[in-house]
Amino acid sequence: MDRITLTGRLTPAQSFELAARLDELTATLRPSVTVDLSNVDDLHPSIMSVLVRSRRQAHRQGGDVVLIPPVAP
């Protein structure tokens, strides 16, 4: 299982890097990826779009992208 941990304030500029990493990880057969958002302070909608797209891609490959939600302050 692969794990990506994100922290702080996530901006649209970071969505490109995240998309590239998740595209790489979900291109395999039966990908299993966990994205830890527990220490994220602010999540831009472009990041959510990347996460949803990656989860769909993983499902098409027989796997999943599991999200650990942000913790409320």
PDB file of N, CA and C in Angstrom:
ATOM      1  N   MET A   1       0.839  -1.177   0.000  1.00  0.00           N
ATOM      2  CA  MET A   1       0.000   0.000   0.000  1.00  0.00           C
ATOM      3  C   MET A   1       0.883   1.239   0.000  1.00  0.00           C
ATOM      4  N   ASP A   2       0.546   2.160  -0.890  1.00  0.00           N
ATOM      5  CA  ASP A   2       1.271   3.427  -0.948  1.00  0.00           C
ATOM      6  C   ASP A   2       0.540   4.455  -0.102  1.00  0.00           C
ATOM      7  N   ARG A   3       1.303   5.377   0.468  1.00  0.00           N
ATOM      8  CA  ARG A   3       0.717   6.407   1.322  1.00  0.00           C
ATOM      9  C   ARG A   3       1.284   7.769   0.942  1.00  0.00           C
ATOM     10  N   ILE A   4       0.382   8.738   0.840  1.00  0.00           N
ATOM     11  CA  ILE A   4       0.757  10.125   0.606  1.00  0.00           C
ATOM     12  C   ILE A   4       0.230  10.921   1.786  1.00  0.00           C
ATOM     13  N   THR A   5       1.097  11.697   2.423  1.00  0.00           N
ATOM     14  CA  THR A   5       0.687  12.538   3.546  1.00  0.00           C
ATOM     15  C   THR A   5       0.780  13.990   3.129  1.00  0.00           C
ATOM     16  N   LEU A   6      -0.329  14.692   3.252  1.00  0.00           N
ATOM     17  CA  LEU A   6      -0.388  16.101   2.893  1.00  0.00           C
ATOM     18  C   LEU A   6      -0.585  16.925   4.160  1.00  0.00           C
ATOM     19  N   THR A   7       0.024  18.103   4.189  1.00  0.00           N
ATOM     20  CA  THR A   7      -0.076  18.952   5.376  1.00  0.00           C
ATOM     21  C   THR A   7      -0.250  20.414   4.980  1.00  0.00           C
ATOM     22  N   GLY A   8      -0.773  21.191   5.920  1.00  0.00           N
ATOM     23  CA  GLY A   8      -0.854  22.637   5.737  1.00  0.00           C
ATOM     24  C   GLY A   8      -1.970  23.067   4.811  1.00  0.00           C
ATOM     25  N   ARG A   9      -1.713  24.157   4.112  1.00  0.00           N
ATOM     26  CA  ARG A   9      -2.682  24.750   3.185  1.00  0.00           C
ATOM     27  C   ARG A   9      -2.355  24.247   1.784  1.00  0.00           C
ATOM     28  N   LEU A  10      -3.325  23.608   1.147  1.00  0.00           N
ATOM     29  CA  LEU A  10      -3.111  23.045  -0.182  1.00  0.00           C
ATOM     30  C   LEU A  10      -3.711  23.974  -1.236  1.00  0.00           C
ATOM     31  N   THR A  11      -2.875  24.392  -2.174  1.00  0.00           N
ATOM     32  CA  THR A  11      -3.248  25.387  -3.174  1.00  0.00           C
ATOM     33  C   THR A  11      -3.404  24.753  -4.557  1.00  0.00           C
ATOM     34  N   PRO A  12      -3.990  25.483  -5.499  1.00  0.00           N
ATOM     35  CA  PRO A  12      -4.121  24.955  -6.865  1.00  0.00           C
ATOM     36  C   PRO A  12      -2.777  24.568  -7.484  1.00  0.00           C
ATOM     37  N   ALA A  13      -1.729  25.302  -7.177  1.00  0.00           N
ATOM     38  CA  ALA A  13      -0.411  24.979  -7.735  1.00  0.00           C
ATOM     39  C   ALA A  13       0.043  23.579  -7.329  1.00  0.00           C
ATOM     40  N   GLN A  14      -0.317  23.154  -6.146  1.00  0.00           N
ATOM     41  CA  GLN A  14       0.083  21.826  -5.663  1.00  0.00           C
ATOM     42  C   GLN A  14      -0.730  20.702  -6.300  1.00  0.00           C
ATOM     43  N   SER A  15      -1.864  21.046  -6.899  1.00  0.00           N
ATOM     44  CA  SER A  15      -2.711  20.012  -7.489  1.00  0.00           C
ATOM     45  C   SER A  15      -2.010  19.304  -8.649  1.00  0.00           C
ATOM     46  N   PHE A  16      -1.162  20.005  -9.389  1.00  0.00           N
ATOM     47  CA  PHE A  16      -0.460  19.384 -10.519  1.00  0.00           C
ATOM     48  C   PHE A  16       0.510  18.310 -10.049  1.00  0.00           C
ATOM     49  N   GLU A  17       1.265  18.609  -9.006  1.00  0.00           N
ATOM     50  CA  GLU A  17       2.214  17.632  -8.459  1.00  0.00           C
ATOM     51  C   GLU A  17       1.476  16.430  -7.872  1.00  0.00           C
ATOM     52  N   LEU A  18       0.392  16.712  -7.138  1.00  0.00           N
ATOM     53  CA  LEU A  18      -0.393  15.629  -6.549  1.00  0.00           C
ATOM     54  C   LEU A  18      -1.003  14.758  -7.641  1.00  0.00           C
ATOM     55  N   ALA A  19      -1.535  15.382  -8.685  1.00  0.00           N
ATOM     56  CA  ALA A  19      -2.131  14.628  -9.790  1.00  0.00           C
ATOM     57  C   ALA A  19      -1.108  13.717 -10.455  1.00  0.00           C
ATOM     58  N   ALA A  20       0.079  14.216 -10.676  1.00  0.00           N
ATOM     59  CA  ALA A  20       1.127  13.406 -11.310  1.00  0.00           C
ATOM     60  C   ALA A  20       1.481  12.206 -10.444  1.00  0.00           C
ATOM     61  N   ARG A  21       1.621  12.426  -9.157  1.00  0.00           N
ATOM     62  CA  ARG A  21       1.971  11.325  -8.239  1.00  0.00           C
ATOM     63  C   ARG A  21       0.857  10.283  -8.181  1.00  0.00           C
ATOM     64  N   LEU A  22      -0.393  10.759  -8.064  1.00  0.00           N
ATOM     65  CA  LEU A  22      -1.512   9.819  -7.989  1.00  0.00           C
ATOM     66  C   LEU A  22      -1.741   9.104  -9.321  1.00  0.00           C
ATOM     67  N   ASP A  23      -1.520   9.795 -10.434  1.00  0.00           N
ATOM     68  CA  ASP A  23      -1.628   9.131 -11.737  1.00  0.00           C
ATOM     69  C   ASP A  23      -0.647   7.970 -11.826  1.00  0.00           C
ATOM     70  N   GLU A  24       0.551   8.199 -11.354  1.00  0.00           N
ATOM     71  CA  GLU A  24       1.584   7.149 -11.356  1.00  0.00           C
ATOM     72  C   GLU A  24       1.158   5.961 -10.486  1.00  0.00           C
ATOM     73  N   LEU A  25       0.648   6.253  -9.298  1.00  0.00           N
ATOM     74  CA  LEU A  25       0.289   5.189  -8.360  1.00  0.00           C
ATOM     75  C   LEU A  25      -0.978   4.434  -8.754  1.00  0.00           C
ATOM     76  N   THR A  26      -1.910   5.091  -9.432  1.00  0.00           N
ATOM     77  CA  THR A  26      -3.167   4.427  -9.784  1.00  0.00           C
ATOM     78  C   THR A  26      -3.140   3.794 -11.173  1.00  0.00           C
ATOM     79  N   ALA A  27      -2.032   3.899 -11.865  1.00  0.00           N
ATOM     80  CA  ALA A  27      -1.913   3.296 -13.191  1.00  0.00           C
ATOM     81  C   ALA A  27      -1.644   1.799 -13.126  1.00  0.00           C
ATOM     82  N   THR A  28      -1.306   1.299 -11.958  1.00  0.00           N
ATOM     83  CA  THR A  28      -1.010  -0.124 -11.800  1.00  0.00           C
ATOM     84  C   THR A  28      -2.303  -0.919 -11.613  1.00  0.00           C
ATOM     85  N   LEU A  29      -2.205  -2.221 -11.733  1.00  0.00           N
ATOM     86  CA  LEU A  29      -3.343  -3.094 -11.490  1.00  0.00           C
ATOM     87  C   LEU A  29      -3.609  -3.184  -9.995  1.00  0.00           C
ATOM     88  N   ARG A  30      -4.841  -3.001  -9.588  1.00  0.00           N
ATOM     89  CA  ARG A  30      -5.290  -3.050  -8.191  1.00  0.00           C
ATOM     90  C   ARG A  30      -4.487  -2.116  -7.279  1.00  0.00           C
ATOM     91  N   PRO A  31      -4.436  -0.846  -7.612  1.00  0.00           N
ATOM     92  CA  PRO A  31      -3.678   0.083  -6.764  1.00  0.00           C
ATOM     93  C   PRO A  31      -4.330   0.241  -5.390  1.00  0.00           C
ATOM     94  N   SER A  32      -3.506   0.422  -4.405  1.00  0.00           N
ATOM     95  CA  SER A  32      -3.976   0.664  -3.044  1.00  0.00           C
ATOM     96  C   SER A  32      -3.199   1.866  -2.508  1.00  0.00           C
ATOM     97  N   VAL A  33      -3.886   2.986  -2.424  1.00  0.00           N
ATOM     98  CA  VAL A  33      -3.244   4.236  -2.027  1.00  0.00           C
ATOM     99  C   VAL A  33      -4.033   4.863  -0.893  1.00  0.00           C
ATOM    100  N   THR A  34      -3.338   5.330   0.134  1.00  0.00           N
ATOM    101  CA  THR A  34      -3.954   6.083   1.214  1.00  0.00           C
ATOM    102  C   THR A  34      -3.433   7.510   1.134  1.00  0.00           C
ATOM    103  N   VAL A  35      -4.367   8.463   1.171  1.00  0.00           N
ATOM    104  CA  VAL A  35      -3.996   9.879   1.192  1.00  0.00           C
ATOM    105  C   VAL A  35      -4.412  10.422   2.551  1.00  0.00           C
ATOM    106  N   ASP A  36      -3.424  10.785   3.344  1.00  0.00           N
ATOM    107  CA  ASP A  36      -3.655  11.288   4.705  1.00  0.00           C
ATOM    108  C   ASP A  36      -3.798  12.813   4.665  1.00  0.00           C
ATOM    109  N   LEU A  37      -5.009  13.272   4.955  1.00  0.00           N
ATOM    110  CA  LEU A  37      -5.309  14.702   4.975  1.00  0.00           C
ATOM    111  C   LEU A  37      -5.484  15.212   6.401  1.00  0.00           C
ATOM    112  N   SER A  38      -5.136  14.403   7.392  1.00  0.00           N
ATOM    113  CA  SER A  38      -5.432  14.732   8.791  1.00  0.00           C
ATOM    114  C   SER A  38      -4.756  16.009   9.281  1.00  0.00           C
ATOM    115  N   ASN A  39      -3.669  16.423   8.644  1.00  0.00           N
ATOM    116  CA  ASN A  39      -2.974  17.645   9.056  1.00  0.00           C
ATOM    117  C   ASN A  39      -3.106  18.773   8.037  1.00  0.00           C
ATOM    118  N   VAL A  40      -4.161  18.714   7.234  1.00  0.00           N
ATOM    119  CA  VAL A  40      -4.414  19.753   6.234  1.00  0.00           C
ATOM    120  C   VAL A  40      -5.260  20.848   6.869  1.00  0.00           C
ATOM    121  N   ASP A  41      -4.816  22.104   6.697  1.00  0.00           N
ATOM    122  CA  ASP A  41      -5.538  23.251   7.258  1.00  0.00           C
ATOM    123  C   ASP A  41      -6.583  23.804   6.296  1.00  0.00           C
ATOM    124  N   ASP A  42      -6.264  23.806   4.998  1.00  0.00           N
ATOM    125  CA  ASP A  42      -7.145  24.385   3.994  1.00  0.00           C
ATOM    126  C   ASP A  42      -6.998  23.573   2.717  1.00  0.00           C
ATOM    127  N   LEU A  43      -8.118  23.145   2.167  1.00  0.00           N
ATOM    128  CA  LEU A  43      -8.104  22.262   1.010  1.00  0.00           C
ATOM    129  C   LEU A  43      -8.809  22.959  -0.154  1.00  0.00           C
ATOM    130  N   HIS A  44      -8.057  23.349  -1.175  1.00  0.00           N
ATOM    131  CA  HIS A  44      -8.627  24.014  -2.343  1.00  0.00           C
ATOM    132  C   HIS A  44      -9.437  22.997  -3.162  1.00  0.00           C
ATOM    133  N   PRO A  45     -10.540  23.439  -3.781  1.00  0.00           N
ATOM    134  CA  PRO A  45     -11.360  22.526  -4.589  1.00  0.00           C
ATOM    135  C   PRO A  45     -10.591  21.793  -5.690  1.00  0.00           C
ATOM    136  N   SER A  46      -9.541  22.383  -6.213  1.00  0.00           N
ATOM    137  CA  SER A  46      -8.761  21.693  -7.252  1.00  0.00           C
ATOM    138  C   SER A  46      -8.096  20.433  -6.700  1.00  0.00           C
ATOM    139  N   ILE A  47      -7.729  20.453  -5.435  1.00  0.00           N
ATOM    140  CA  ILE A  47      -7.147  19.265  -4.793  1.00  0.00           C
ATOM    141  C   ILE A  47      -8.214  18.181  -4.670  1.00  0.00           C
ATOM    142  N   MET A  48      -9.430  18.581  -4.282  1.00  0.00           N
ATOM    143  CA  MET A  48     -10.528  17.614  -4.171  1.00  0.00           C
ATOM    144  C   MET A  48     -10.810  16.978  -5.527  1.00  0.00           C
ATOM    145  N   SER A  49     -10.764  17.766  -6.576  1.00  0.00           N
ATOM    146  CA  SER A  49     -10.987  17.249  -7.922  1.00  0.00           C
ATOM    147  C   SER A  49      -9.956  16.174  -8.276  1.00  0.00           C
ATOM    148  N   VAL A  50      -8.712  16.429  -7.950  1.00  0.00           N
ATOM    149  CA  VAL A  50      -7.633  15.453  -8.201  1.00  0.00           C
ATOM    150  C   VAL A  50      -7.897  14.167  -7.416  1.00  0.00           C
ATOM    151  N   LEU A  51      -8.304  14.301  -6.161  1.00  0.00           N
ATOM    152  CA  LEU A  51      -8.553  13.126  -5.327  1.00  0.00           C
ATOM    153  C   LEU A  51      -9.712  12.292  -5.865  1.00  0.00           C
ATOM    154  N   VAL A  52     -10.786  12.939  -6.283  1.00  0.00           N
ATOM    155  CA  VAL A  52     -11.944  12.224  -6.829  1.00  0.00           C
ATOM    156  C   VAL A  52     -11.566  11.513  -8.127  1.00  0.00           C
ATOM    157  N   ARG A  53     -10.855  12.209  -9.001  1.00  0.00           N
ATOM    158  CA  ARG A  53     -10.437  11.610 -10.272  1.00  0.00           C
ATOM    159  C   ARG A  53      -9.533  10.402 -10.043  1.00  0.00           C
ATOM    160  N   SER A  54      -8.622  10.520  -9.088  1.00  0.00           N
ATOM    161  CA  SER A  54      -7.696   9.426  -8.796  1.00  0.00           C
ATOM    162  C   SER A  54      -8.424   8.225  -8.206  1.00  0.00           C
ATOM    163  N   ARG A  55      -9.414   8.502  -7.381  1.00  0.00           N
ATOM    164  CA  ARG A  55     -10.184   7.396  -6.790  1.00  0.00           C
ATOM    165  C   ARG A  55     -10.947   6.647  -7.875  1.00  0.00           C
ATOM    166  N   ARG A  56     -11.518   7.372  -8.809  1.00  0.00           N
ATOM    167  CA  ARG A  56     -12.222   6.727  -9.930  1.00  0.00           C
ATOM    168  C   ARG A  56     -11.271   5.883 -10.766  1.00  0.00           C
ATOM    169  N   GLN A  57     -10.086   6.428 -11.025  1.00  0.00           N
ATOM    170  CA  GLN A  57      -9.077   5.694 -11.790  1.00  0.00           C
ATOM    171  C   GLN A  57      -8.687   4.407 -11.064  1.00  0.00           C
ATOM    172  N   ALA A  58      -8.483   4.491  -9.766  1.00  0.00           N
ATOM    173  CA  ALA A  58      -8.118   3.306  -8.985  1.00  0.00           C
ATOM    174  C   ALA A  58      -9.227   2.259  -9.043  1.00  0.00           C
ATOM    175  N   HIS A  59     -10.480   2.687  -8.948  1.00  0.00           N
ATOM    176  CA  HIS A  59     -11.602   1.743  -9.015  1.00  0.00           C
ATOM    177  C   HIS A  59     -11.650   1.045 -10.371  1.00  0.00           C
ATOM    178  N   ARG A  60     -11.362   1.771 -11.441  1.00  0.00           N
ATOM    179  CA  ARG A  60     -11.331   1.153 -12.774  1.00  0.00           C
ATOM    180  C   ARG A  60     -10.234   0.088 -12.865  1.00  0.00           C
ATOM    181  N   GLN A  61      -9.185   0.250 -12.085  1.00  0.00           N
ATOM    182  CA  GLN A  61      -8.065  -0.696 -12.088  1.00  0.00           C
ATOM    183  C   GLN A  61      -8.246  -1.789 -11.030  1.00  0.00           C
ATOM    184  N   GLY A  62      -9.392  -1.787 -10.343  1.00  0.00           N
ATOM    185  CA  GLY A  62      -9.658  -2.821  -9.347  1.00  0.00           C
ATOM    186  C   GLY A  62      -9.098  -2.501  -7.975  1.00  0.00           C
ATOM    187  N   GLY A  63      -8.743  -1.245  -7.721  1.00  0.00           N
ATOM    188  CA  GLY A  63      -8.163  -0.856  -6.426  1.00  0.00           C
ATOM    189  C   GLY A  63      -8.950   0.257  -5.770  1.00  0.00           C
ATOM    190  N   ASP A  64      -8.258   1.024  -4.943  1.00  0.00           N
ATOM    191  CA  ASP A  64      -8.926   2.103  -4.231  1.00  0.00           C
ATOM    192  C   ASP A  64      -7.920   3.159  -3.786  1.00  0.00           C
ATOM    193  N   VAL A  65      -8.433   4.352  -3.614  1.00  0.00           N
ATOM    194  CA  VAL A  65      -7.708   5.444  -2.962  1.00  0.00           C
ATOM    195  C   VAL A  65      -8.517   5.773  -1.715  1.00  0.00           C
ATOM    196  N   VAL A  66      -7.920   5.547  -0.559  1.00  0.00           N
ATOM    197  CA  VAL A  66      -8.582   5.787   0.717  1.00  0.00           C
ATOM    198  C   VAL A  66      -8.131   7.142   1.239  1.00  0.00           C
ATOM    199  N   LEU A  67      -9.100   7.945   1.669  1.00  0.00           N
ATOM    200  CA  LEU A  67      -8.804   9.287   2.204  1.00  0.00           C
ATOM    201  C   LEU A  67      -8.978   9.302   3.710  1.00  0.00           C
ATOM    202  N   ILE A  68      -7.961   9.786   4.403  1.00  0.00           N
ATOM    203  CA  ILE A  68      -8.068  10.049   5.834  1.00  0.00           C
ATOM    204  C   ILE A  68      -8.421  11.527   5.955  1.00  0.00           C
ATOM    205  N   PRO A  69      -9.610  11.842   6.470  1.00  0.00           N
ATOM    206  CA  PRO A  69     -10.086  13.234   6.437  1.00  0.00           C
ATOM    207  C   PRO A  69      -9.302  14.172   7.347  1.00  0.00           C
ATOM    208  N   PRO A  70      -9.388  15.470   7.029  1.00  0.00           N
ATOM    209  CA  PRO A  70      -8.767  16.475   7.912  1.00  0.00           C
ATOM    210  C   PRO A  70      -9.431  16.456   9.287  1.00  0.00           C
ATOM    211  N   VAL A  71      -8.663  16.796  10.292  1.00  0.00           N
ATOM    212  CA  VAL A  71      -9.171  16.864  11.653  1.00  0.00           C
ATOM    213  C   VAL A  71      -9.624  18.308  11.892  1.00  0.00           C
ATOM    214  N   ALA A  72     -10.854  18.454  12.381  1.00  0.00           N
ATOM    215  CA  ALA A  72     -11.373  19.803  12.658  1.00  0.00           C
ATOM    216  C   ALA A  72     -10.588  20.439  13.780  1.00  0.00           C
ATOM    217  N   PRO A  73     -10.318  21.761  13.659  1.00  0.00           N
ATOM    218  CA  PRO A  73      -9.538  22.442  14.704  1.00  0.00           C
ATOM    219  C   PRO A  73     -10.294  22.536  16.019  1.00  0.00           C
TER     220      PRO A  73
END
